[in-house]
C-alpha atoms as a PDB file:
ATOM      1  CA  MET A   1      13.843  48.315   3.262  1.00  0.00           C
ATOM      2  CA  THR A   2      14.015  50.437   0.317  1.00  0.00           C
ATOM      3  CA  SER A   3      11.424  54.446  -0.530  1.00  0.00           C
ATOM      4  CA  ASN A   4       9.727  52.231  -2.826  1.00  0.00           C
ATOM      5  CA  GLU A   5       8.928  48.834  -0.725  1.00  0.00           C
ATOM      6  CA  GLN A   6       8.032  51.795   1.951  1.00  0.00           C
ATOM      7  CA  ALA A   7       5.694  53.618  -0.710  1.00  0.00           C
ATOM      8  CA  SER A   8       3.944  50.548  -1.957  1.00  0.00           C
ATOM      9  CA  VAL A   9       3.896  49.096   1.953  1.00  0.00           C
ATOM     10  CA  ASP A  10       2.143  52.471   2.904  1.00  0.00           C
ATOM     11  CA  TRP A  11      -0.462  52.683   0.192  1.00  0.00           C
ATOM     12  CA  SER A  12      -1.219  49.563   1.050  1.00  0.00           C
ATOM     13  CA  LYS A  13      -2.670  50.465   4.176  1.00  0.00           C
ATOM     14  CA  GLN A  14      -4.662  52.972   3.652  1.00  0.00           C
ATOM     15  CA  GLN A  15      -8.421  53.206   3.300  1.00  0.00           C
ATOM     16  CA  ARG A  16      -9.804  52.537   0.113  1.00  0.00           C
ATOM     17  CA  ARG A  17     -11.236  55.276  -2.041  1.00  0.00           C
ATOM     18  CA  CYS A  18     -14.402  54.506  -4.993  1.00  0.00           C
ATOM     19  CA  TRP A  19     -14.488  57.747  -6.676  1.00  0.00           C
ATOM     20  CA  LEU A  20     -18.852  58.124  -6.895  1.00  0.00           C
ATOM     21  CA  TYR A  21     -20.335  59.106 -10.202  1.00  0.00           C
ATOM     22  CA  LYS A  22     -23.702  60.253  -9.667  1.00  0.00           C
ATOM     23  CA  GLN A  23     -24.439  60.246 -13.998  1.00  0.00           C
ATOM     24  CA  GLY A  24     -27.933  61.228 -15.092  1.00  0.00           C
ATOM     25  CA  LEU A  25     -29.877  59.479 -17.965  1.00  0.00           C
ATOM     26  CA  LEU A  26     -26.881  58.139 -20.557  1.00  0.00           C
ATOM     27  CA  SER A  27     -27.759  55.610 -23.039  1.00  0.00           C
ATOM     28  CA  TYR A  28     -26.113  52.179 -22.338  1.00  0.00           C
ATOM     29  CA  PRO A  29     -23.496  52.004 -25.517  1.00  0.00           C
ATOM     30  CA  VAL A  30     -21.684  54.878 -23.720  1.00  0.00           C
ATOM     31  CA  ALA A  31     -22.097  53.492 -20.646  1.00  0.00           C
ATOM     32  CA  LEU A  32     -20.661  50.310 -21.506  1.00  0.00           C
ATOM     33  CA  ASP A  33     -18.195  52.078 -22.899  1.00  0.00           C
ATOM     34  CA  TRP A  34     -16.967  54.155 -20.251  1.00  0.00           C
ATOM     35  CA  GLN A  35     -17.446  50.751 -18.218  1.00  0.00           C
ATOM     36  CA  ARG A  36     -14.458  49.296 -20.622  1.00  0.00           C
ATOM     37  CA  THR A  37     -12.574  51.980 -20.083  1.00  0.00           C
ATOM     38  CA  LEU A  38     -12.484  52.261 -16.545  1.00  0.00           C
ATOM     39  CA  LEU A  39     -11.822  48.062 -16.855  1.00  0.00           C
ATOM     40  CA  SER A  40      -8.872  48.329 -19.395  1.00  0.00           C
ATOM     41  CA  GLU A  41      -7.105  51.403 -17.111  1.00  0.00           C
ATOM     42  CA  ARG A  42      -7.448  49.951 -13.516  1.00  0.00           C
ATOM     43  CA  VAL A  43      -5.937  46.217 -15.330  1.00  0.00           C
ATOM     44  CA  ASN A  44      -3.179  48.396 -16.647  1.00  0.00           C
ATOM     45  CA  ASN A  45      -2.876  50.323 -12.625  1.00  0.00           C
ATOM     46  CA  SER A  46      -3.774  47.899  -9.918  1.00  0.00           C
ATOM     47  CA  ARG A  47      -3.375  51.838  -7.997  1.00  0.00           C
ATOM     48  CA  LEU A  48      -6.306  53.348  -9.273  1.00  0.00           C
ATOM     49  CA  GLU A  49      -9.352  54.406  -7.425  1.00  0.00           C
ATOM     50  CA  ASP A  50     -12.282  51.767  -7.775  1.00  0.00           C
ATOM     51  CA  VAL A  51     -15.560  53.708  -9.354  1.00  0.00           C
ATOM     52  CA  LEU A  52     -18.884  53.448  -8.648  1.00  0.00           C
ATOM     53  CA  ILE A  53     -21.440  54.777 -11.335  1.00  0.00           C
ATOM     54  CA  LEU A  54     -24.919  55.844 -10.270  1.00  0.00           C
ATOM     55  CA  LEU A  55     -27.195  56.016 -12.988  1.00  0.00           C
ATOM     56  CA  GLU A  56     -29.908  55.858 -14.976  1.00  0.00           C
ATOM     57  CA  HIS A  57     -30.797  54.466 -18.919  1.00  0.00           C
ATOM     58  CA  PRO A  58     -33.240  55.404 -21.304  1.00  0.00           C
ATOM     59  CA  SER A  59     -35.313  52.351 -22.560  1.00  0.00           C
ATOM     60  CA  VAL A  60     -33.429  49.211 -23.321  1.00  0.00           C
ATOM     61  CA  TYR A  61     -32.706  45.406 -23.577  1.00  0.00           C
ATOM     62  CA  THR A  62     -29.402  44.011 -22.649  1.00  0.00           C
ATOM     63  CA  LEU A  63     -28.789  39.595 -22.869  1.00  0.00           C
ATOM     64  CA  GLY A  64     -26.078  38.143 -20.837  1.00  0.00           C
ATOM     65  CA  GLN A  65     -23.141  36.949 -22.804  1.00  0.00           C
ATOM     66  CA  GLY A  66     -24.623  33.036 -23.194  1.00  0.00           C
ATOM     67  CA  ALA A  67     -28.640  34.504 -23.045  1.00  0.00           C
ATOM     68  CA  SER A  68     -31.573  32.926 -24.584  1.00  0.00           C
ATOM     69  CA  ARG A  69     -33.339  33.762 -27.193  1.00  0.00           C
ATOM     70  CA  GLU A  70     -35.734  32.267 -25.697  1.00  0.00           C
ATOM     71  CA  PHE A  71     -36.524  34.243 -23.050  1.00  0.00           C
ATOM     72  CA  LEU A  72     -37.528  37.594 -25.661  1.00  0.00           C
ATOM     73  CA  LYS A  73     -41.213  37.565 -26.369  1.00  0.00           C
ATOM     74  CA  PHE A  74     -40.591  39.945 -29.848  1.00  0.00           C
ATOM     75  CA  ASP A  75     -38.646  39.258 -32.346  1.00  0.00           C
ATOM     76  CA  LEU A  76     -34.354  40.306 -32.255  1.00  0.00           C
ATOM     77  CA  ASP A  77     -33.813  40.757 -35.438  1.00  0.00           C
ATOM     78  CA  THR A  78     -36.045  44.007 -35.680  1.00  0.00           C
ATOM     79  CA  SER A  79     -35.817  45.496 -32.814  1.00  0.00           C
ATOM     80  CA  ARG A  80     -33.026  48.399 -32.029  1.00  0.00           C
ATOM     81  CA  ASP A  81     -32.499  48.532 -28.593  1.00  0.00           C
ATOM     82  CA  VAL A  82     -30.466  44.960 -28.046  1.00  0.00           C
ATOM     83  CA  TYR A  83     -27.188  45.093 -26.632  1.00  0.00           C
ATOM     84  CA  ARG A  84     -25.431  41.639 -26.076  1.00  0.00           C
ATOM     85  CA  VAL A  85     -22.698  41.636 -23.804  1.00  0.00           C
ATOM     86  CA  GLU A  86     -20.283  40.081 -21.846  1.00  0.00           C
ATOM     87  CA  ARG A  87     -22.270  39.603 -18.117  1.00  0.00           C
ATOM     88  CA  GLY A  88     -23.356  37.002 -16.812  1.00  0.00           C
ATOM     89  CA  GLY A  89     -27.844  35.867 -16.656  1.00  0.00           C
ATOM     90  CA  GLU A  90     -29.886  35.914 -19.054  1.00  0.00           C
ATOM     91  CA  VAL A  91     -32.311  39.165 -20.666  1.00  0.00           C
ATOM     92  CA  THR A  92     -33.125  42.115 -18.945  1.00  0.00           C
ATOM     93  CA  TYR A  93     -34.788  45.891 -18.727  1.00  0.00           C
ATOM     94  CA  HIS A  94     -33.384  49.172 -18.090  1.00  0.00           C
ATOM     95  CA  CYS A  95     -35.689  52.361 -18.243  1.00  0.00           C
ATOM     96  CA  PRO A  96     -35.766  55.824 -16.340  1.00  0.00           C
ATOM     97  CA  GLY A  97     -36.357  55.796 -13.094  1.00  0.00           C
ATOM     98  CA  GLN A  98     -34.576  52.309 -12.692  1.00  0.00           C
ATOM     99  CA  LEU A  99     -31.420  52.636 -10.712  1.00  0.00           C
ATOM    100  CA  VAL A 100     -28.258  51.258 -12.245  1.00  0.00           C
ATOM    101  CA  GLY A 101     -24.991  51.059 -10.270  1.00  0.00           C
ATOM    102  CA  TYR A 102     -21.982  49.598 -12.229  1.00  0.00           C
ATOM    103  CA  PRO A 103     -18.751  49.079  -9.415  1.00  0.00           C
ATOM    104  CA  ILE A 104     -15.735  48.970 -10.766  1.00  0.00           C
ATOM    105  CA  LEU A 105     -13.330  47.422  -8.132  1.00  0.00           C
ATOM    106  CA  ASN A 106     -10.483  45.826  -8.084  1.00  0.00           C
ATOM    107  CA  LEU A 107     -11.528  42.443  -5.983  1.00  0.00           C
ATOM    108  CA  GLN A 108      -8.030  41.525  -4.932  1.00  0.00           C
ATOM    109  CA  HIS A 109      -8.429  44.290  -2.313  1.00  0.00           C
ATOM    110  CA  TYR A 110     -11.602  43.151  -1.038  1.00  0.00           C
ATOM    111  CA  CYS A 111     -11.712  39.382  -1.489  1.00  0.00           C
ATOM    112  CA  LYS A 112     -11.509  37.120  -4.553  1.00  0.00           C
ATOM    113  CA  ASP A 113     -14.744  34.841  -4.419  1.00  0.00           C
ATOM    114  CA  LEU A 114     -17.341  35.922  -7.531  1.00  0.00           C
ATOM    115  CA  HIS A 115     -20.244  34.329  -4.954  1.00  0.00           C
ATOM    116  CA  TRP A 116     -19.107  36.770  -2.104  1.00  0.00           C
ATOM    117  CA  TYR A 117     -19.376  39.987  -4.372  1.00  0.00           C
ATOM    118  CA  LEU A 118     -22.608  38.706  -5.430  1.00  0.00           C
ATOM    119  CA  ARG A 119     -23.999  38.336  -1.854  1.00  0.00           C
ATOM    120  CA  GLN A 120     -22.266  41.633  -0.630  1.00  0.00           C
ATOM    121  CA  LEU A 121     -24.204  43.635  -3.988  1.00  0.00           C
ATOM    122  CA  GLU A 122     -27.485  42.033  -2.492  1.00  0.00           C
ATOM    123  CA  GLU A 123     -26.969  43.160   0.906  1.00  0.00           C
ATOM    124  CA  VAL A 124     -25.794  46.890  -0.101  1.00  0.00           C
ATOM    125  CA  LEU A 125     -29.669  46.770  -1.959  1.00  0.00           C
ATOM    126  CA  ILE A 126     -31.307  44.647   1.057  1.00  0.00           C
ATOM    127  CA  GLN A 127     -29.652  47.231   3.355  1.00  0.00           C
ATOM    128  CA  VAL A 128     -31.347  49.863   0.868  1.00  0.00           C
ATOM    129  CA  LEU A 129     -34.788  48.713   1.321  1.00  0.00           C
ATOM    130  CA  ALA A 130     -34.431  48.182   5.553  1.00  0.00           C
ATOM    131  CA  VAL A 131     -34.183  52.012   5.402  1.00  0.00           C
ATOM    132  CA  TYR A 132     -37.931  52.259   4.116  1.00  0.00           C
ATOM    133  CA  GLY A 133     -39.090  49.718   6.315  1.00  0.00           C
ATOM    134  CA  LEU A 134     -39.179  47.135   3.715  1.00  0.00           C
ATOM    135  CA  LYS A 135     -37.963  43.329   4.197  1.00  0.00           C
ATOM    136  CA  GLY A 136     -35.357  42.343   1.166  1.00  0.00           C
ATOM    137  CA  GLU A 137     -35.171  38.988   0.718  1.00  0.00           C
ATOM    138  CA  ARG A 138     -32.386  36.001  -1.371  1.00  0.00           C
ATOM    139  CA  VAL A 139     -34.440  32.989  -2.786  1.00  0.00           C
ATOM    140  CA  SER A 140     -32.126  30.257  -2.252  1.00  0.00           C
ATOM    141  CA  GLY A 141     -30.283  29.858  -6.084  1.00  0.00           C
ATOM    142  CA  LEU A 142     -31.053  33.096  -7.536  1.00  0.00           C
ATOM    143  CA  THR A 143     -29.130  35.905  -8.078  1.00  0.00           C
ATOM    144  CA  GLY A 144     -30.854  38.857  -7.000  1.00  0.00           C
ATOM    145  CA  VAL A 145     -33.255  40.796  -4.467  1.00  0.00           C
ATOM    146  CA  TRP A 146     -36.792  40.407  -3.748  1.00  0.00           C
ATOM    147  CA  LEU A 147     -40.172  42.195  -1.874  1.00  0.00           C
ATOM    148  CA  GLU A 148     -42.833  39.669  -1.280  1.00  0.00           C
ATOM    149  CA  GLY A 149     -42.133  37.408  -3.779  1.00  0.00           C
ATOM    150  CA  ARG A 150     -40.851  40.414  -6.437  1.00  0.00           C
ATOM    151  CA  LYS A 151     -37.778  40.546  -8.114  1.00  0.00           C
ATOM    152  CA  VAL A 152     -37.332  44.373  -7.469  1.00  0.00           C
ATOM    153  CA  ALA A 153     -33.212  44.400  -7.795  1.00  0.00           C
ATOM    154  CA  ALA A 154     -31.228  42.462 -11.194  1.00  0.00           C
ATOM    155  CA  ILE A 155     -27.582  41.302 -11.142  1.00  0.00           C
ATOM    156  CA  GLY A 156     -24.992  40.875 -13.399  1.00  0.00           C
ATOM    157  CA  ILE A 157     -21.075  40.881 -13.702  1.00  0.00           C
ATOM    158  CA  LYS A 158     -18.285  40.999 -15.232  1.00  0.00           C
ATOM    159  CA  VAL A 159     -14.771  40.223 -14.242  1.00  0.00           C
ATOM    160  CA  ARG A 160     -11.162  40.769 -15.596  1.00  0.00           C
ATOM    161  CA  ARG A 161      -8.191  40.020 -13.556  1.00  0.00           C
ATOM    162  CA  TRP A 162     -10.651  40.866 -10.499  1.00  0.00           C
ATOM    163  CA  ILE A 163     -11.515  44.253 -11.753  1.00  0.00           C
ATOM    164  CA  THR A 164     -15.608  44.439 -11.867  1.00  0.00           C
ATOM    165  CA  MET A 165     -17.844  45.610 -14.534  1.00  0.00           C
ATOM    166  CA  HIS A 166     -21.710  45.325 -14.767  1.00  0.00           C
ATOM    167  CA  GLY A 167     -23.757  45.234 -11.681  1.00  0.00           C
ATOM    168  CA  PHE A 168     -27.412  46.109 -10.544  1.00  0.00           C
ATOM    169  CA  ALA A 169     -30.203  47.325 -11.657  1.00  0.00           C
ATOM    170  CA  LEU A 170     -33.012  48.668  -9.003  1.00  0.00           C
ATOM    171  CA  ASN A 171     -36.488  49.097  -9.588  1.00  0.00           C
ATOM    172  CA  VAL A 172     -37.330  52.509  -8.164  1.00  0.00           C
ATOM    173  CA  CYS A 173     -40.022  54.051  -9.631  1.00  0.00           C
ATOM    174  CA  PRO A 174     -39.949  52.714 -13.356  1.00  0.00           C
ATOM    175  CA  ASP A 175     -42.423  51.840 -16.013  1.00  0.00           C
ATOM    176  CA  LEU A 176     -42.950  48.382 -15.740  1.00  0.00           C
ATOM    177  CA  THR A 177     -44.512  47.219 -18.503  1.00  0.00           C
ATOM    178  CA  GLY A 178     -41.010  47.110 -20.891  1.00  0.00           C
ATOM    179  CA  PHE A 179     -40.622  43.858 -18.674  1.00  0.00           C
ATOM    180  CA  GLU A 180     -43.575  41.884 -20.558  1.00  0.00           C
ATOM    181  CA  ARG A 181     -42.302  41.622 -23.482  1.00  0.00           C
ATOM    182  CA  ILE A 182     -38.985  39.225 -22.150  1.00  0.00           C
ATOM    183  CA  VAL A 183     -39.264  36.750 -19.301  1.00  0.00           C
ATOM    184  CA  PRO A 184     -37.044  39.113 -16.824  1.00  0.00           C
ATOM    185  CA  CYS A 185     -33.731  37.108 -16.266  1.00  0.00           C
ATOM    186  CA  GLY A 186     -35.252  34.136 -17.371  1.00  0.00           C
ATOM    187  CA  ILE A 187     -37.201  33.428 -13.979  1.00  0.00           C
ATOM    188  CA  SER A 188     -40.920  32.659 -15.525  1.00  0.00           C
ATOM    189  CA  ASP A 189     -42.309  32.359 -12.438  1.00  0.00           C
ATOM    190  CA  LYS A 190     -41.389  35.301 -10.704  1.00  0.00           C
ATOM    191  CA  PRO A 191     -42.857  38.655 -11.297  1.00  0.00           C
ATOM    192  CA  VAL A 192     -40.720  41.905 -11.271  1.00  0.00           C
ATOM    193  CA  GLY A 193     -41.462  44.971  -8.683  1.00  0.00           C
ATOM    194  CA  SER A 194     -40.515  48.152  -7.465  1.00  0.00           C
ATOM    195  CA  ILE A 195     -40.659  50.530  -4.337  1.00  0.00           C
ATOM    196  CA  ALA A 196     -42.903  52.592  -5.927  1.00  0.00           C
ATOM    197  CA  GLN A 197     -45.164  50.370  -5.460  1.00  0.00           C
ATOM    198  CA  PHE A 198     -44.790  49.363  -2.196  1.00  0.00           C
ATOM    199  CA  ILE A 199     -43.871  53.588  -1.233  1.00  0.00           C
ATOM    200  CA  PRO A 200     -45.646  55.601  -3.445  1.00  0.00           C
ATOM    201  CA  GLU A 201     -44.078  58.498  -2.551  1.00  0.00           C
ATOM    202  CA  ILE A 202     -40.346  57.582  -3.380  1.00  0.00           C
ATOM    203  CA  THR A 203     -37.852  59.617  -5.352  1.00  0.00           C
ATOM    204  CA  PHE A 204     -34.703  57.965  -8.221  1.00  0.00           C
ATOM    205  CA  ASP A 205     -32.893  60.769  -5.980  1.00  0.00           C
ATOM    206  CA  GLN A 206     -33.741  59.508  -1.978  1.00  0.00           C
ATOM    207  CA  VAL A 207     -32.953  56.434  -2.907  1.00  0.00           C
ATOM    208  CA  ARG A 208     -29.240  57.133  -5.027  1.00  0.00           C
ATOM    209  CA  PHE A 209     -29.000  58.665  -2.235  1.00  0.00           C
ATOM    210  CA  GLN A 210     -29.337  55.227   0.701  1.00  0.00           C
ATOM    211  CA  VAL A 211     -27.808  53.354  -2.079  1.00  0.00           C
ATOM    212  CA  ALA A 212     -24.038  55.604  -2.220  1.00  0.00           C
ATOM    213  CA  VAL A 213     -24.597  55.344   1.762  1.00  0.00           C
ATOM    214  CA  ALA A 214     -25.110  51.754   1.687  1.00  0.00           C
ATOM    215  CA  PHE A 215     -22.510  50.903  -0.608  1.00  0.00           C
ATOM    216  CA  ALA A 216     -19.988  52.489   1.473  1.00  0.00           C
ATOM    217  CA  ASP A 217     -20.911  50.294   4.583  1.00  0.00           C
ATOM    218  CA  VAL A 218     -20.890  47.041   2.938  1.00  0.00           C
ATOM    219  CA  PHE A 219     -17.982  47.701   1.274  1.00  0.00           C
ATOM    220  CA  GLY A 220     -16.159  49.356   3.749  1.00  0.00           C
ATOM    221  CA  VAL A 221     -15.139  52.476   1.010  1.00  0.00           C
ATOM    222  CA  GLU A 222     -14.499  56.151   1.538  1.00  0.00           C
ATOM    223  CA  LEU A 223     -16.556  57.645  -1.262  1.00  0.00           C
ATOM    224  CA  VAL A 224     -15.418  60.875  -3.495  1.00  0.00           C
ATOM    225  CA  GLU A 225     -18.035  62.253  -5.605  1.00  0.00           C
ATOM    226  CA  MET A 226     -16.386  63.346  -8.908  1.00  0.00           C
ATOM    227  CA  SER A 227     -17.081  65.708 -12.052  1.00  0.00           C
ATOM    228  CA  PRO A 228     -18.892  63.519 -14.501  1.00  0.00           C
ATOM    229  CA  PRO A 229     -16.298  63.105 -17.419  1.00  0.00           C
ATOM    230  CA  ALA A 230     -17.599  64.122 -20.888  1.00  0.00           C
ATOM    231  CA  LEU A 231     -19.371  60.782 -22.847  1.00  0.00           C
ATOM    232  CA  ASN A 232     -20.084  61.590 -26.327  1.00  0.00           C
ATOM    233  CA  TYR A 233     -18.771  58.459 -27.924  1.00  0.00           C
ATOM    234  CA  GLY A 234     -20.679  54.689 -28.469  1.00  0.00           C
ATOM    235  CA  ASP A 235     -23.468  56.183 -30.178  1.00  0.00           C
ATOM    236  CA  SER A 236     -23.012  54.014 -33.414  1.00  0.00           C
ATOM    237  CA  LEU A 237     -22.677  51.011 -31.322  1.00  0.00           C
ATOM    238  CA  THR A 238     -24.826  48.431 -34.118  1.00  0.00           C
ATOM    239  CA  PRO A 239     -26.726  46.161 -31.475  1.00  0.00           C
ATOM    240  CA  GLU A 240     -25.662  43.417 -30.571  1.00  0.00           C
ATOM    241  CA  GLN A 241     -22.208  44.266 -31.632  1.00  0.00           C
ATOM    242  CA  PRO A 242     -19.358  44.317 -29.071  1.00  0.00           C
ATOM    243  CA  LEU A 243     -17.559  47.815 -28.299  1.00  0.00           C
ATOM    244  CA  ILE A 244     -14.319  49.425 -28.270  1.00  0.00           C
ATOM    245  CA  PRO A 245     -13.039  51.051 -25.392  1.00  0.00           C
ATOM    246  CA  LEU A 246     -12.369  54.485 -25.716  1.00  0.00           C
ATOM    247  CA  LEU A 247     -10.000  56.965 -23.810  1.00  0.00           C
ATOM    248  CA  LEU A 248     -11.677  59.300 -21.344  1.00  0.00           C
ATOM    249  CA  THR A 249      -9.795  62.603 -19.942  1.00  0.00           C
ATOM    250  CA  PRO A 250      -9.174  61.917 -16.036  1.00  0.00           C
ATOM    251  CA  PRO A 251     -12.340  63.051 -14.264  1.00  0.00           C
ATOM    252  CA  THR A 252     -11.150  66.249 -11.600  1.00  0.00           C
ATOM    253  CA  THR A 253     -12.407  66.338  -7.600  1.00  0.00           C
ATOM    254  CA  LEU A 254     -15.520  68.545  -6.866  1.00  0.00           C
END
């Protein structure tokens, strides 16, 4: 065995590390640019660490690649804060108080099965709810997590060469009125809810910590907290148009 072959074998046996970025409030276009850049870098170099981004967005609506306009209760042509992106699923709403998670994972190191991946993301959120004595549930034939019939977490993903982007949105303590302008995820017979409806004193930072813990447990990774990179592009995006990935300065370890 050559030294290069030995190095390859040793690397493959190591536990996967996952960079954790605890970002604050970040505009949707900038976050999507960031994801696309991270994904492209990992398509080109599969040895790069996986990434988990946890953040909040200002109020914004997003539609999946094949989402229908019939689930919008407003005129799409006159609204600025709507973006059609490459994830699966129908329309959803993001706003402050909602914890959004964007895992950039190479599923070749886990399980090359998208159904498995979706169930793992659900399991992360179910474990988080259990920390607070809440029983998160799945609904047969649907993706997401429910609490007593209310959908508290939505999931929508995109995978390219087995590397993931997009992810999950957990309603911690948001203003839910923005959901009234849509049929969330195209599901008309199940209301949207939040953790705060069950635990009024819950805070965003508390839940973000628990999500990181559960994610590391479910996916069996070592989370390494990183300093967020400078993100100052994407603001010129026109709604419903694709974003152009830009290069980022490699992050540094805390």
